[in-house]
Amino acid sequence: MTQTLTREQRRTDRSRRTVAAVLAVLAAAAVAGVWWFFVTTVPGQRLDDVAYTGSRIGRTRLAEYTQSVLDVVSVPFLVSVIVVTTAVALLRRRWWLALGVGAVVGGVNLTTQLLKYEVFTRPGLGVTDGYADNTLPSGHTTVAGSVGLAVLLVAPARWRWLVAPLAAAYTGATGIATMVDGWHRASDVVAAVLVVAAWTLLALAVTGPVDATGPVRAVGWALGVAGVGGALVAVVALTLTRGADADPSRAQMLIAYGGASVGVLAVLSLATLAVLLVGSRPARRGGSPPP
């Protein structure tokens, strides 16, 4: 059943679509910015690699848990998610969504693969401790984020406030797991989060917002506080370790690694907040959300 919108809601929708498009462009630009600083400059590579070296601390104890998270990510898993979410969209009679969800998820993952192997390169600056080839953005984090994106797009409006943070939690768990296991640096994970955010915001610019139901405001406040607080912690950690040399101390490695992990979660929290803000409109009193 088609929802009849008031003039004010139509105006709100246009504003949110515009903001979503602008934020999508900014997220895409941020991907390039993360690559430029952390991959092509000596200070960026050094900061990233101190955190990467710190990830070795405690890896033996944590690997059995993080590996189970990473083992979920696979091509069959991604295909299964596309099939299921497309079926849900068909059952809800959202024909355009059934056609588009696979294309959007495919676009997210194709973007990461093109950026990693065709667009971005990693210059040898005499800093790298670990993988010498470019590994930005993280493919595993992108897959996890695209799964969350697919579920978010097909979920009923009344559940979006819950689906968005759960999708972010799964994406964050996968991203941190790649860091714990030494598969990726923090910048790889942040870039992947931004790729997913750019595509999510672009999708919302096309589909428009839905009625805000449930504790959207409370979830938004929680994400905002977590994002800003985490960003401050990450900045302090980077400041404390920016002078680390080629042989960082254990304290420097722990601070850098902890700060990088918190920074990843901060970016993820702020990206999820943006998705909720532009993807929701104030619901009409006495009205009901679309199915």
C-alpha atoms as a PDB file:
ATOM      1  CA  MET A   1       0.000   0.000   0.000  1.00  0.00           C
ATOM      2  CA  THR A   2       1.385   3.387  -0.989  1.00  0.00           C
ATOM      3  CA  GLN A   3       1.990   5.784   1.871  1.00  0.00           C
ATOM      4  CA  THR A   4       0.512   9.281   1.491  1.00  0.00           C
ATOM      5  CA  LEU A   5       2.983  11.927   2.620  1.00  0.00           C
ATOM      6  CA  THR A   6       2.233  15.441   3.795  1.00  0.00           C
ATOM      7  CA  ARG A   7       3.859  18.415   2.115  1.00  0.00           C
ATOM      8  CA  GLU A   8       6.167  18.821   5.113  1.00  0.00           C
ATOM      9  CA  GLN A   9       7.239  15.182   4.922  1.00  0.00           C
ATOM     10  CA  ARG A  10       7.948  15.465   1.202  1.00  0.00           C
ATOM     11  CA  ARG A  11      10.107  18.508   1.897  1.00  0.00           C
ATOM     12  CA  THR A  12      11.881  16.608   4.683  1.00  0.00           C
ATOM     13  CA  ASP A  13      12.462  13.677   2.336  1.00  0.00           C
ATOM     14  CA  ARG A  14      14.076  15.896  -0.291  1.00  0.00           C
ATOM     15  CA  SER A  15      16.354  17.451   2.308  1.00  0.00           C
ATOM     16  CA  ARG A  16      17.430  14.093   3.668  1.00  0.00           C
ATOM     17  CA  ARG A  17      18.046  12.696   0.186  1.00  0.00           C
ATOM     18  CA  THR A  18      20.286  15.670  -0.585  1.00  0.00           C
ATOM     19  CA  VAL A  19      22.190  15.331   2.687  1.00  0.00           C
ATOM     20  CA  ALA A  20      22.610  11.595   2.079  1.00  0.00           C
ATOM     21  CA  ALA A  21      24.084  12.255  -1.376  1.00  0.00           C
ATOM     22  CA  VAL A  22      26.489  14.868  -0.006  1.00  0.00           C
ATOM     23  CA  LEU A  23      27.586  12.567   2.826  1.00  0.00           C
ATOM     24  CA  ALA A  24      28.114   9.744   0.338  1.00  0.00           C
ATOM     25  CA  VAL A  25      30.507  11.949  -1.637  1.00  0.00           C
ATOM     26  CA  LEU A  26      32.316  12.959   1.565  1.00  0.00           C
ATOM     27  CA  ALA A  27      32.656   9.314   2.624  1.00  0.00           C
ATOM     28  CA  ALA A  28      34.122   8.451  -0.779  1.00  0.00           C
ATOM     29  CA  ALA A  29      36.564  11.355  -0.482  1.00  0.00           C
ATOM     30  CA  ALA A  30      37.492  10.171   3.017  1.00  0.00           C
ATOM     31  CA  VAL A  31      38.464   6.766   1.584  1.00  0.00           C
ATOM     32  CA  ALA A  32      40.984   8.512  -0.662  1.00  0.00           C
ATOM     33  CA  GLY A  33      42.159  10.638   2.274  1.00  0.00           C
ATOM     34  CA  VAL A  34      42.750   7.602   4.486  1.00  0.00           C
ATOM     35  CA  TRP A  35      44.721   5.923   1.707  1.00  0.00           C
ATOM     36  CA  TRP A  36      46.792   9.038   1.019  1.00  0.00           C
ATOM     37  CA  PHE A  37      47.867   9.609   4.628  1.00  0.00           C
ATOM     38  CA  PHE A  38      48.231   6.076   5.993  1.00  0.00           C
ATOM     39  CA  VAL A  39      49.619   4.459   2.837  1.00  0.00           C
ATOM     40  CA  THR A  40      51.554   7.082   0.877  1.00  0.00           C
ATOM     41  CA  THR A  41      53.201   9.123   3.672  1.00  0.00           C
ATOM     42  CA  VAL A  42      55.952   8.115   6.089  1.00  0.00           C
ATOM     43  CA  PRO A  43      54.167   9.395   9.246  1.00  0.00           C
ATOM     44  CA  GLY A  44      50.975   7.603   8.236  1.00  0.00           C
ATOM     45  CA  GLN A  45      52.698   4.310   7.479  1.00  0.00           C
ATOM     46  CA  ARG A  46      54.649   4.508  10.736  1.00  0.00           C
ATOM     47  CA  LEU A  47      51.531   5.107  12.852  1.00  0.00           C
ATOM     48  CA  ASP A  48      49.666   2.316  11.097  1.00  0.00           C
ATOM     49  CA  ASP A  49      52.535  -0.132  11.452  1.00  0.00           C
ATOM     50  CA  VAL A  50      53.111   0.541  15.154  1.00  0.00           C
ATOM     51  CA  ALA A  51      49.478  -0.455  15.715  1.00  0.00           C
ATOM     52  CA  TYR A  52      49.898  -3.419  13.366  1.00  0.00           C
ATOM     53  CA  THR A  53      52.925  -4.600  15.334  1.00  0.00           C
ATOM     54  CA  GLY A  54      50.946  -4.201  18.558  1.00  0.00           C
ATOM     55  CA  SER A  55      48.279  -6.557  17.243  1.00  0.00           C
ATOM     56  CA  ARG A  56      50.702  -9.425  17.820  1.00  0.00           C
ATOM     57  CA  ILE A  57      50.312  -8.994  21.574  1.00  0.00           C
ATOM     58  CA  GLY A  58      47.787 -11.524  22.810  1.00  0.00           C
ATOM     59  CA  ARG A  59      47.118 -12.900  19.324  1.00  0.00           C
ATOM     60  CA  THR A  60      47.606 -16.526  20.381  1.00  0.00           C
ATOM     61  CA  ARG A  61      44.841 -16.296  22.977  1.00  0.00           C
ATOM     62  CA  LEU A  62      42.426 -14.284  20.849  1.00  0.00           C
ATOM     63  CA  ALA A  63      42.908 -15.940  17.457  1.00  0.00           C
ATOM     64  CA  GLU A  64      40.611 -18.896  18.127  1.00  0.00           C
ATOM     65  CA  TYR A  65      37.711 -16.511  18.738  1.00  0.00           C
ATOM     66  CA  THR A  66      38.438 -14.032  15.964  1.00  0.00           C
ATOM     67  CA  GLN A  67      39.049 -16.773  13.405  1.00  0.00           C
ATOM     68  CA  SER A  68      35.530 -18.092  13.940  1.00  0.00           C
ATOM     69  CA  VAL A  69      34.209 -14.639  13.033  1.00  0.00           C
ATOM     70  CA  LEU A  70      36.331 -14.467   9.900  1.00  0.00           C
ATOM     71  CA  ASP A  71      35.431 -17.997   8.789  1.00  0.00           C
ATOM     72  CA  VAL A  72      31.828 -16.870   8.267  1.00  0.00           C
ATOM     73  CA  VAL A  73      32.838 -14.480   5.500  1.00  0.00           C
ATOM     74  CA  SER A  74      32.841 -16.229   2.129  1.00  0.00           C
ATOM     75  CA  VAL A  75      31.395 -15.947  -1.360  1.00  0.00           C
ATOM     76  CA  PRO A  76      28.660 -18.565  -0.661  1.00  0.00           C
ATOM     77  CA  PHE A  77      27.703 -16.634   2.488  1.00  0.00           C
ATOM     78  CA  LEU A  78      27.409 -13.383   0.542  1.00  0.00           C
ATOM     79  CA  VAL A  79      25.378 -15.032  -2.228  1.00  0.00           C
ATOM     80  CA  SER A  80      23.067 -16.586   0.373  1.00  0.00           C
ATOM     81  CA  VAL A  81      22.472 -13.182   1.953  1.00  0.00           C
ATOM     82  CA  ILE A  82      21.649 -11.652  -1.439  1.00  0.00           C
ATOM     83  CA  VAL A  83      19.195 -14.465  -2.215  1.00  0.00           C
ATOM     84  CA  VAL A  84      17.481 -14.230   1.181  1.00  0.00           C
ATOM     85  CA  THR A  85      17.221 -10.425   1.215  1.00  0.00           C
ATOM     86  CA  THR A  86      15.917 -10.413  -2.363  1.00  0.00           C
ATOM     87  CA  ALA A  87      13.282 -12.971  -1.364  1.00  0.00           C
ATOM     88  CA  VAL A  88      12.266 -10.825   1.611  1.00  0.00           C
ATOM     89  CA  ALA A  89      11.930  -7.799  -0.661  1.00  0.00           C
ATOM     90  CA  LEU A  90       9.731  -9.821  -3.036  1.00  0.00           C
ATOM     91  CA  LEU A  91       7.542 -11.027  -0.169  1.00  0.00           C
ATOM     92  CA  ARG A  92       7.112  -7.414   0.911  1.00  0.00           C
ATOM     93  CA  ARG A  93       6.246  -6.519  -2.704  1.00  0.00           C
ATOM     94  CA  ARG A  94       9.142  -4.078  -2.906  1.00  0.00           C
ATOM     95  CA  TRP A  95       9.915  -4.879  -6.526  1.00  0.00           C
ATOM     96  CA  TRP A  96      12.506  -2.159  -7.124  1.00  0.00           C
ATOM     97  CA  LEU A  97      14.302  -3.192  -3.937  1.00  0.00           C
ATOM     98  CA  ALA A  98      14.354  -6.837  -4.987  1.00  0.00           C
ATOM     99  CA  LEU A  99      16.107  -5.788  -8.185  1.00  0.00           C
ATOM    100  CA  GLY A 100      18.448  -3.326  -6.528  1.00  0.00           C
ATOM    101  CA  VAL A 101      19.701  -5.028  -3.384  1.00  0.00           C
ATOM    102  CA  GLY A 102      21.958  -7.443  -5.255  1.00  0.00           C
ATOM    103  CA  ALA A 103      23.302  -4.650  -7.449  1.00  0.00           C
ATOM    104  CA  VAL A 104      24.107  -2.458  -4.446  1.00  0.00           C
ATOM    105  CA  VAL A 105      25.811  -5.265  -2.521  1.00  0.00           C
ATOM    106  CA  GLY A 106      27.755  -6.225  -5.629  1.00  0.00           C
ATOM    107  CA  GLY A 107      28.736  -2.602  -6.165  1.00  0.00           C
ATOM    108  CA  VAL A 108      30.093  -2.284  -2.629  1.00  0.00           C
ATOM    109  CA  ASN A 109      32.336  -5.328  -2.942  1.00  0.00           C
ATOM    110  CA  LEU A 110      33.400  -4.559  -6.504  1.00  0.00           C
ATOM    111  CA  THR A 111      34.425  -1.064  -5.393  1.00  0.00           C
ATOM    112  CA  THR A 112      36.694  -2.452  -2.697  1.00  0.00           C
ATOM    113  CA  GLN A 113      38.307  -4.939  -5.070  1.00  0.00           C
ATOM    114  CA  LEU A 114      38.926  -2.274  -7.726  1.00  0.00           C
ATOM    115  CA  LEU A 115      40.366   0.176  -5.216  1.00  0.00           C
ATOM    116  CA  LYS A 116      42.617  -2.432  -3.633  1.00  0.00           C
ATOM    117  CA  TYR A 117      44.017  -4.031  -6.769  1.00  0.00           C
ATOM    118  CA  GLU A 118      43.608  -1.489  -9.565  1.00  0.00           C
ATOM    119  CA  VAL A 119      43.511   2.038  -8.122  1.00  0.00           C
ATOM    120  CA  PHE A 120      45.488   2.205  -4.883  1.00  0.00           C
ATOM    121  CA  THR A 121      49.135   1.242  -4.565  1.00  0.00           C
ATOM    122  CA  ARG A 122      51.464   1.071  -1.568  1.00  0.00           C
ATOM    123  CA  PRO A 123      54.822   2.791  -2.124  1.00  0.00           C
ATOM    124  CA  GLY A 124      57.882   1.370  -0.410  1.00  0.00           C
ATOM    125  CA  LEU A 125      58.927   4.018   2.106  1.00  0.00           C
ATOM    126  CA  GLY A 126      61.142   1.843   4.274  1.00  0.00           C
ATOM    127  CA  VAL A 127      58.566   1.679   7.055  1.00  0.00           C
ATOM    128  CA  THR A 128      56.334  -1.324   6.423  1.00  0.00           C
ATOM    129  CA  ASP A 129      56.467  -4.173   8.925  1.00  0.00           C
ATOM    130  CA  GLY A 130      54.296  -6.907   7.431  1.00  0.00           C
ATOM    131  CA  TYR A 131      52.465  -6.930   4.108  1.00  0.00           C
ATOM    132  CA  ALA A 132      54.339  -4.860   1.533  1.00  0.00           C
ATOM    133  CA  ASP A 133      51.515  -4.880  -1.030  1.00  0.00           C
ATOM    134  CA  ASN A 134      48.473  -2.658  -0.782  1.00  0.00           C
ATOM    135  CA  THR A 135      45.735  -4.162   1.403  1.00  0.00           C
ATOM    136  CA  LEU A 136      43.390  -1.149   1.615  1.00  0.00           C
ATOM    137  CA  PRO A 137      40.379  -1.445   1.836  1.00  0.00           C
ATOM    138  CA  SER A 138      39.715  -4.672   3.781  1.00  0.00           C
ATOM    139  CA  GLY A 139      37.694  -7.159   1.743  1.00  0.00           C
ATOM    140  CA  HIS A 140      36.384  -9.093   4.756  1.00  0.00           C
ATOM    141  CA  THR A 141      35.154  -5.916   6.434  1.00  0.00           C
ATOM    142  CA  THR A 142      33.493  -4.839   3.203  1.00  0.00           C
ATOM    143  CA  VAL A 143      31.642  -8.155   2.881  1.00  0.00           C
ATOM    144  CA  ALA A 144      30.421  -7.913   6.480  1.00  0.00           C
ATOM    145  CA  GLY A 145      29.312  -4.328   5.946  1.00  0.00           C
ATOM    146  CA  SER A 146      27.528  -5.158   2.701  1.00  0.00           C
ATOM    147  CA  VAL A 147      25.626  -7.931   4.483  1.00  0.00           C
ATOM    148  CA  GLY A 148      24.458  -5.386   7.037  1.00  0.00           C
ATOM    149  CA  LEU A 149      23.523  -3.005   4.204  1.00  0.00           C
ATOM    150  CA  ALA A 150      21.399  -5.654   2.486  1.00  0.00           C
ATOM    151  CA  VAL A 151      19.525  -6.458   5.695  1.00  0.00           C
ATOM    152  CA  LEU A 152      19.037  -2.765   6.472  1.00  0.00           C
ATOM    153  CA  LEU A 153      17.522  -2.052   3.058  1.00  0.00           C
ATOM    154  CA  VAL A 154      14.925  -4.836   3.240  1.00  0.00           C
ATOM    155  CA  ALA A 155      14.102  -4.558   6.962  1.00  0.00           C
ATOM    156  CA  PRO A 156      10.718  -3.047   7.850  1.00  0.00           C
ATOM    157  CA  ALA A 157      10.887   0.617   8.837  1.00  0.00           C
ATOM    158  CA  ARG A 158       9.949  -0.118  12.454  1.00  0.00           C
ATOM    159  CA  TRP A 159      13.068  -2.268  12.881  1.00  0.00           C
ATOM    160  CA  ARG A 160      15.646  -0.019  11.235  1.00  0.00           C
ATOM    161  CA  TRP A 161      16.669   1.518  14.576  1.00  0.00           C
ATOM    162  CA  LEU A 162      17.730  -1.979  15.727  1.00  0.00           C
ATOM    163  CA  VAL A 163      19.090  -3.376  12.453  1.00  0.00           C
ATOM    164  CA  ALA A 164      21.513  -0.480  11.874  1.00  0.00           C
ATOM    165  CA  PRO A 165      23.512  -0.852  15.128  1.00  0.00           C
ATOM    166  CA  LEU A 166      23.455  -4.660  14.890  1.00  0.00           C
ATOM    167  CA  ALA A 167      24.832  -4.469  11.350  1.00  0.00           C
ATOM    168  CA  ALA A 168      27.489  -2.054  12.590  1.00  0.00           C
ATOM    169  CA  ALA A 169      28.392  -4.412  15.441  1.00  0.00           C
ATOM    170  CA  TYR A 170      28.885  -7.319  13.030  1.00  0.00           C
ATOM    171  CA  THR A 171      30.953  -5.164  10.685  1.00  0.00           C
ATOM    172  CA  GLY A 172      33.055  -3.908  13.581  1.00  0.00           C
ATOM    173  CA  ALA A 173      33.615  -7.413  14.944  1.00  0.00           C
ATOM    174  CA  THR A 174      34.811  -8.589  11.541  1.00  0.00           C
ATOM    175  CA  GLY A 175      37.076  -5.583  11.064  1.00  0.00           C
ATOM    176  CA  ILE A 176      38.673  -5.905  14.498  1.00  0.00           C
ATOM    177  CA  ALA A 177      39.087  -9.655  13.922  1.00  0.00           C
ATOM    178  CA  THR A 178      41.128  -8.972  10.770  1.00  0.00           C
ATOM    179  CA  MET A 179      43.364  -6.693  12.837  1.00  0.00           C
ATOM    180  CA  VAL A 180      43.757  -9.183  15.683  1.00  0.00           C
ATOM    181  CA  ASP A 181      44.745 -11.939  13.268  1.00  0.00           C
ATOM    182  CA  GLY A 182      47.195  -9.661  11.462  1.00  0.00           C
ATOM    183  CA  TRP A 183      45.322  -9.755   8.161  1.00  0.00           C
ATOM    184  CA  HIS A 184      44.805  -6.011   7.964  1.00  0.00           C
ATOM    185  CA  ARG A 185      45.946  -2.716   9.360  1.00  0.00           C
ATOM    186  CA  ALA A 186      43.505  -0.298  10.974  1.00  0.00           C
ATOM    187  CA  SER A 187      43.484   1.983   7.919  1.00  0.00           C
ATOM    188  CA  ASP A 188      42.335  -0.947   5.759  1.00  0.00           C
ATOM    189  CA  VAL A 189      39.340  -1.487   8.013  1.00  0.00           C
ATOM    190  CA  VAL A 190      38.460   2.208   8.253  1.00  0.00           C
ATOM    191  CA  ALA A 191      38.582   2.525   4.452  1.00  0.00           C
ATOM    192  CA  ALA A 192      36.264  -0.484   4.086  1.00  0.00           C
ATOM    193  CA  VAL A 193      33.795   1.028   6.568  1.00  0.00           C
ATOM    194  CA  LEU A 194      33.813   4.255   4.565  1.00  0.00           C
ATOM    195  CA  VAL A 195      33.237   2.400   1.277  1.00  0.00           C
ATOM    196  CA  VAL A 196      30.189   0.686   2.783  1.00  0.00           C
ATOM    197  CA  ALA A 197      29.006   3.977   4.288  1.00  0.00           C
ATOM    198  CA  ALA A 198      29.292   5.741   0.930  1.00  0.00           C
ATOM    199  CA  TRP A 199      27.191   3.091  -0.818  1.00  0.00           C
ATOM    200  CA  THR A 200      24.650   2.965   2.026  1.00  0.00           C
ATOM    201  CA  LEU A 201      24.190   6.726   1.965  1.00  0.00           C
ATOM    202  CA  LEU A 202      23.935   6.668  -1.829  1.00  0.00           C
ATOM    203  CA  ALA A 203      21.234   3.984  -1.592  1.00  0.00           C
ATOM    204  CA  LEU A 204      19.332   6.093   0.949  1.00  0.00           C
ATOM    205  CA  ALA A 205      19.614   9.116  -1.332  1.00  0.00           C
ATOM    206  CA  VAL A 206      17.758   7.061  -3.940  1.00  0.00           C
ATOM    207  CA  THR A 207      15.225   5.281  -1.717  1.00  0.00           C
ATOM    208  CA  GLY A 208      14.566   8.164   0.679  1.00  0.00           C
ATOM    209  CA  PRO A 209      13.887   8.041   4.416  1.00  0.00           C
ATOM    210  CA  VAL A 210      11.252   6.037   6.275  1.00  0.00           C
ATOM    211  CA  ASP A 211       9.147   6.966   9.289  1.00  0.00           C
ATOM    212  CA  ALA A 212      11.252   7.020  12.450  1.00  0.00           C
ATOM    213  CA  THR A 213       9.774   4.487  14.877  1.00  0.00           C
ATOM    214  CA  GLY A 214      11.196   2.939  18.009  1.00  0.00           C
ATOM    215  CA  PRO A 215      13.962   4.525  20.112  1.00  0.00           C
ATOM    216  CA  VAL A 216      15.750   6.073  17.136  1.00  0.00           C
ATOM    217  CA  ARG A 217      16.730   9.179  19.094  1.00  0.00           C
ATOM    218  CA  ALA A 218      18.174   7.186  22.006  1.00  0.00           C
ATOM    219  CA  VAL A 219      20.171   4.959  19.643  1.00  0.00           C
ATOM    220  CA  GLY A 220      21.389   8.062  17.811  1.00  0.00           C
ATOM    221  CA  TRP A 221      22.594   9.694  21.028  1.00  0.00           C
ATOM    222  CA  ALA A 222      24.413   6.501  22.033  1.00  0.00           C
ATOM    223  CA  LEU A 223      26.123   6.251  18.640  1.00  0.00           C
ATOM    224  CA  GLY A 224      27.048   9.936  18.693  1.00  0.00           C
ATOM    225  CA  VAL A 225      28.604   9.764  22.148  1.00  0.00           C
ATOM    226  CA  ALA A 226      30.459   6.547  21.271  1.00  0.00           C
ATOM    227  CA  GLY A 227      31.699   8.009  17.996  1.00  0.00           C
ATOM    228  CA  VAL A 228      32.928  11.333  19.350  1.00  0.00           C
ATOM    229  CA  GLY A 229      34.418   9.761  22.482  1.00  0.00           C
ATOM    230  CA  GLY A 230      36.159   7.062  20.461  1.00  0.00           C
ATOM    231  CA  ALA A 231      37.531   9.609  18.005  1.00  0.00           C
ATOM    232  CA  LEU A 232      39.046  11.613  20.859  1.00  0.00           C
ATOM    233  CA  VAL A 233      40.648   8.485  22.316  1.00  0.00           C
ATOM    234  CA  ALA A 234      42.073   7.586  18.907  1.00  0.00           C
ATOM    235  CA  VAL A 235      43.509  11.095  18.424  1.00  0.00           C
ATOM    236  CA  VAL A 236      45.177  10.971  21.854  1.00  0.00           C
ATOM    237  CA  ALA A 237      46.631   7.530  21.097  1.00  0.00           C
ATOM    238  CA  LEU A 238      47.987   8.692  17.734  1.00  0.00           C
ATOM    239  CA  THR A 239      49.495  11.755  19.366  1.00  0.00           C
ATOM    240  CA  LEU A 240      51.242   9.661  22.012  1.00  0.00           C
ATOM    241  CA  THR A 241      52.717   7.264  19.455  1.00  0.00           C
ATOM    242  CA  ARG A 242      53.525   9.566  16.537  1.00  0.00           C
ATOM    243  CA  GLY A 243      57.159   9.757  17.621  1.00  0.00           C
ATOM    244  CA  ALA A 244      57.642   5.988  17.693  1.00  0.00           C
ATOM    245  CA  ASP A 245      60.712   4.810  15.812  1.00  0.00           C
ATOM    246  CA  ALA A 246      61.386   1.551  13.993  1.00  0.00           C
ATOM    247  CA  ASP A 247      61.649  -0.263  17.337  1.00  0.00           C
ATOM    248  CA  PRO A 248      58.599   0.876  19.341  1.00  0.00           C
ATOM    249  CA  SER A 249      58.232  -0.048  23.004  1.00  0.00           C
ATOM    250  CA  ARG A 250      55.545  -2.445  24.186  1.00  0.00           C
ATOM    251  CA  ALA A 251      53.633   0.481  25.713  1.00  0.00           C
ATOM    252  CA  GLN A 252      53.691   2.372  22.416  1.00  0.00           C
ATOM    253  CA  MET A 253      52.468  -0.682  20.534  1.00  0.00           C
ATOM    254  CA  LEU A 254      49.609  -1.254  22.993  1.00  0.00           C
ATOM    255  CA  ILE A 255      48.566   2.398  22.924  1.00  0.00           C
ATOM    256  CA  ALA A 256      48.667   2.517  19.119  1.00  0.00           C
ATOM    257  CA  TYR A 257      46.824  -0.772  18.729  1.00  0.00           C
ATOM    258  CA  GLY A 258      44.169   0.130  21.284  1.00  0.00           C
ATOM    259  CA  GLY A 259      43.735   3.599  19.824  1.00  0.00           C
ATOM    260  CA  ALA A 260      43.462   2.224  16.294  1.00  0.00           C
ATOM    261  CA  SER A 261      40.820  -0.295  17.363  1.00  0.00           C
ATOM    262  CA  VAL A 262      38.804   2.390  19.139  1.00  0.00           C
ATOM    263  CA  GLY A 263      39.208   4.642  16.098  1.00  0.00           C
ATOM    264  CA  VAL A 264      37.733   1.965  13.837  1.00  0.00           C
ATOM    265  CA  LEU A 265      34.704   1.653  16.109  1.00  0.00           C
ATOM    266  CA  ALA A 266      34.370   5.442  16.287  1.00  0.00           C
ATOM    267  CA  VAL A 267      34.206   5.776  12.499  1.00  0.00           C
ATOM    268  CA  LEU A 268      31.698   2.932  12.386  1.00  0.00           C
ATOM    269  CA  SER A 269      29.520   4.554  15.077  1.00  0.00           C
ATOM    270  CA  LEU A 270      29.479   7.933  13.330  1.00  0.00           C
ATOM    271  CA  ALA A 271      28.741   6.319   9.954  1.00  0.00           C
ATOM    272  CA  THR A 272      25.823   4.394  11.468  1.00  0.00           C
ATOM    273  CA  LEU A 273      24.550   7.589  13.096  1.00  0.00           C
ATOM    274  CA  ALA A 274      24.596   9.328   9.709  1.00  0.00           C
ATOM    275  CA  VAL A 275      22.647   6.448   8.160  1.00  0.00           C
ATOM    276  CA  LEU A 276      19.976   6.633  10.860  1.00  0.00           C
ATOM    277  CA  LEU A 277      19.682  10.422  10.648  1.00  0.00           C
ATOM    278  CA  VAL A 278      19.287  10.664   6.878  1.00  0.00           C
ATOM    279  CA  GLY A 279      17.301   7.440   6.620  1.00  0.00           C
ATOM    280  CA  SER A 280      14.572   8.467   9.076  1.00  0.00           C
ATOM    281  CA  ARG A 281      11.892  11.125   9.025  1.00  0.00           C
ATOM    282  CA  PRO A 282       9.713  12.205  11.977  1.00  0.00           C
ATOM    283  CA  ALA A 283       6.674   9.924  12.013  1.00  0.00           C
ATOM    284  CA  ARG A 284       3.229  11.455  11.907  1.00  0.00           C
ATOM    285  CA  ARG A 285       1.246  11.234  15.108  1.00  0.00           C
ATOM    286  CA  GLY A 286      -1.347   8.554  14.924  1.00  0.00           C
ATOM    287  CA  GLY A 287       0.154   7.268  11.670  1.00  0.00           C
ATOM    288  CA  SER A 288       1.658   3.888  11.019  1.00  0.00           C
ATOM    289  CA  PRO A 289       4.959   3.109   9.327  1.00  0.00           C
ATOM    290  CA  PRO A 290       5.032   1.471   5.934  1.00  0.00           C
ATOM    291  CA  PRO A 291       5.317  -2.338   5.963  1.00  0.00           C
END
